[in-house]
Each structure stands twice: as structure tokens, then as C-alpha cells.
Amino acid sequence: MLNQAEIPLQRLVFVSRQGMIKFVSGDEFDVAKRTVAATKLGEGDTLVKVALLYDGSYLALFSHKGMLLKMDGEEIPQKKKAAVGVRGMKLDGGDYVELAEVGSIHQDRHLVEFNGKRIDLSLIRSQKRDAKGTRLK
């Protein structure tokens, strides 16, 4: 758990249900106010994940309809906290991001359970941002 003094030294990744992603430098949260808006969301959108992003990180997005997209952390653009972000994953109509996981390329294994299946993300090939991803079997 981070304390408030450590946040300016970090990079935070934001993932929304509609597949929007961005990372924000932690120094944008070094403000005098006790509460601050951390991100902007589109109409009807909600946050799925906020996590720390380190060098050598990757982001895996799992959609409700069983698609998986893993991308290198370098694919995630830096935006201001007031920005919506960019599309991280192409979603079919009615689909949405259900789960987002951040991992390290230096991990030997990164097991995630999704829809009753155990998936080792270290075995999944990374793709470019704004792709459709791979259907989970």
C-alpha cells in the first residue's frame, strides 16, 4: 500500500469498462486539496482497474465475451488526469472489459483465473494496443 508521499514518484494505469486506457504520472496527484478527480470517463463508463505501472510491465485486458489482449506497458500512452485516454482494446457490440491485470515481463509465471479457467499470462504473446485480442479457449 502506498502512502500519499510516494504517489508522486509512481505511474498509475487506468483501465475503463469501455476499454479506454492511459497512464498518469503520480505527480499530478500532488495537490493541496484532499479530494481530486483522478480521471475522466465517457458517458456510462466505469473504472475496472487502477494499478501501478513499472518499467517492464504489461497490461492484460479480459473482455466479457472471452477475448484477451496482452500489451507491453510501453504501448500505454501518458495522458493528463483530466483526459479520457485512448482505446486499449477493440470491443464488439455489447462487449466490455471485465478484468485487467498488470504483470512484469520478468515474472516466470503469472496465473490469472477468468471465467473458471486458469491462464498463465507469461505464455501469452503481446500484441499492439487497440487490437481485438485472442479468443480464450
Protein backbone atom coordinates (compact mmCIF):
# COMPACT_ATOMS: atom_id res chain seq x y z
CA MET A 1 0.00 0.00 0.00
CA LEU A 2 1.32 3.42 -0.97
CA ASN A 3 1.28 6.36 1.33
CA GLN A 4 0.46 9.80 -0.04
CA ALA A 5 4.10 10.90 -0.16
CA GLU A 6 5.01 8.00 -2.51
CA ILE A 7 2.32 8.65 -5.14
CA PRO A 8 4.19 11.46 -6.99
CA LEU A 9 7.03 9.00 -7.68
CA GLN A 10 4.78 6.45 -9.41
CA ARG A 11 3.00 5.91 -12.74
CA LEU A 12 -0.65 4.86 -12.46
CA VAL A 13 -2.50 2.98 -15.21
CA PHE A 14 -6.26 3.44 -15.58
CA VAL A 15 -8.50 0.93 -17.39
CA SER A 16 -12.20 1.50 -18.05
CA ARG A 17 -15.05 -0.89 -18.81
CA GLN A 18 -15.29 0.51 -22.36
CA GLY A 19 -11.63 -0.40 -22.97
CA MET A 20 -10.08 3.04 -22.54
CA ILE A 21 -6.56 3.09 -21.07
CA LYS A 22 -3.91 5.62 -20.07
CA PHE A 23 -1.16 6.11 -17.58
CA VAL A 24 -0.87 9.22 -15.44
CA SER A 25 2.25 10.44 -13.70
CA GLY A 26 1.77 10.35 -9.96
CA ASP A 27 2.99 13.92 -9.60
CA GLU A 28 -0.38 15.08 -10.99
CA PHE A 29 -1.90 13.95 -7.69
CA ASP A 30 0.45 16.08 -5.59
CA VAL A 31 -2.20 18.72 -4.84
CA ALA A 32 -3.29 20.75 -1.83
CA LYS A 33 -6.91 19.51 -1.97
CA ARG A 34 -7.95 16.43 -0.03
CA THR A 35 -10.01 15.12 -2.93
CA VAL A 36 -9.13 15.31 -6.60
CA ALA A 37 -10.68 13.85 -9.76
CA ALA A 38 -8.30 11.08 -10.87
CA THR A 39 -9.66 10.51 -14.37
CA LYS A 40 -12.36 11.45 -16.84
CA LEU A 41 -14.78 8.77 -18.05
CA GLY A 42 -17.06 8.62 -21.05
CA GLU A 43 -20.85 8.51 -20.71
CA GLY A 44 -21.86 5.33 -18.85
CA ASP A 45 -18.25 4.16 -18.39
CA THR A 46 -16.74 2.95 -15.10
CA LEU A 47 -13.24 2.11 -13.89
CA VAL A 48 -12.18 -1.53 -13.93
CA LYS A 49 -8.63 -1.13 -12.65
CA VAL A 50 -6.14 1.39 -11.33
CA ALA A 51 -2.68 -0.05 -10.77
CA LEU A 52 0.98 0.89 -10.66
CA LEU A 53 2.89 0.66 -13.93
CA TYR A 54 6.62 -0.10 -13.75
CA ASP A 55 9.30 -0.45 -16.40
CA GLY A 56 8.95 -3.92 -17.92
CA SER A 57 5.22 -4.11 -17.15
CA TYR A 58 2.48 -5.44 -19.39
CA LEU A 59 -1.28 -5.00 -19.28
CA ALA A 60 -3.76 -7.80 -19.98
CA LEU A 61 -7.41 -6.98 -20.72
CA PHE A 62 -10.12 -9.65 -20.49
CA SER A 63 -13.48 -8.98 -22.12
CA HIS A 64 -16.86 -10.30 -21.04
CA LYS A 65 -17.21 -12.22 -24.34
CA GLY A 66 -13.96 -14.12 -23.77
CA MET A 67 -11.32 -12.06 -25.55
CA LEU A 68 -7.83 -11.45 -24.12
CA LEU A 69 -5.43 -8.72 -25.17
CA LYS A 70 -1.95 -8.50 -23.64
CA MET A 71 0.17 -5.45 -24.49
CA ASP A 72 3.52 -4.09 -23.36
CA GLY A 73 3.38 -1.20 -20.92
CA GLU A 74 5.16 0.98 -23.49
CA GLU A 75 2.00 0.77 -25.63
CA ILE A 76 0.07 2.71 -22.99
CA PRO A 77 0.27 6.46 -23.62
CA GLN A 78 0.79 9.03 -20.89
CA LYS A 79 -2.15 11.40 -20.50
CA LYS A 80 -3.23 14.05 -18.04
CA LYS A 81 -5.58 13.06 -15.23
CA ALA A 82 -8.39 15.08 -16.89
CA ALA A 83 -8.13 13.04 -20.14
CA VAL A 84 -10.31 10.06 -21.04
CA GLY A 85 -7.39 8.07 -22.51
CA VAL A 86 -7.13 6.03 -25.69
CA ARG A 87 -8.82 2.83 -26.81
CA GLY A 88 -6.86 -0.11 -25.46
CA MET A 89 -8.96 -2.94 -26.90
CA LYS A 90 -11.43 -3.15 -29.79
CA LEU A 91 -14.69 -4.46 -28.40
CA ASP A 92 -17.66 -5.96 -30.26
CA GLY A 93 -21.12 -4.54 -29.63
CA GLY A 94 -22.30 -5.42 -26.13
CA ASP A 95 -18.83 -6.48 -25.01
CA TYR A 96 -16.87 -4.77 -22.24
CA VAL A 97 -13.64 -5.15 -20.26
CA GLU A 98 -14.36 -7.28 -17.24
CA LEU A 99 -10.85 -7.74 -15.82
CA ALA A 100 -7.48 -6.03 -16.21
CA GLU A 101 -4.18 -7.38 -14.88
CA VAL A 102 -0.77 -5.74 -14.72
CA GLY A 103 2.27 -8.02 -14.67
CA SER A 104 6.00 -7.94 -15.20
CA ILE A 105 7.87 -9.41 -18.15
CA HIS A 106 10.41 -10.59 -15.57
CA GLN A 107 7.89 -12.94 -13.86
CA ASP A 108 8.31 -16.64 -14.59
CA ARG A 109 4.56 -17.24 -14.24
CA HIS A 110 1.53 -15.01 -13.83
CA LEU A 111 -1.58 -17.09 -13.25
CA VAL A 112 -5.00 -15.46 -13.54
CA GLU A 113 -8.39 -17.09 -13.13
CA PHE A 114 -11.06 -15.85 -15.53
CA ASN A 115 -14.42 -17.48 -16.31
CA GLY A 116 -13.37 -20.64 -14.47
CA LYS A 117 -10.13 -21.01 -16.45
CA ARG A 118 -6.57 -20.60 -15.18
CA ILE A 119 -4.47 -18.63 -17.65
CA ASP A 120 -0.70 -18.19 -17.46
CA LEU A 121 -0.19 -14.68 -18.86
CA SER A 122 3.57 -15.27 -19.19
CA LEU A 123 2.74 -17.68 -22.06
CA ILE A 124 0.50 -15.22 -23.94
CA ARG A 125 2.05 -13.28 -26.82
CA SER A 126 1.90 -9.48 -26.56
CA GLN A 127 0.01 -7.57 -29.25
CA LYS A 128 -0.33 -3.92 -30.17
CA ARG A 129 -2.73 -1.60 -28.38
CA ASP A 130 -6.18 -1.19 -29.99
CA ALA A 131 -6.28 -4.77 -31.26
CA LYS A 132 -9.16 -7.19 -30.82
CA GLY A 133 -7.11 -9.75 -28.91
CA THR A 134 -7.29 -13.54 -28.84
CA ARG A 135 -10.34 -15.65 -28.03
CA LEU A 136 -9.89 -17.68 -24.85
CA LYS A 137 -10.43 -21.40 -25.36
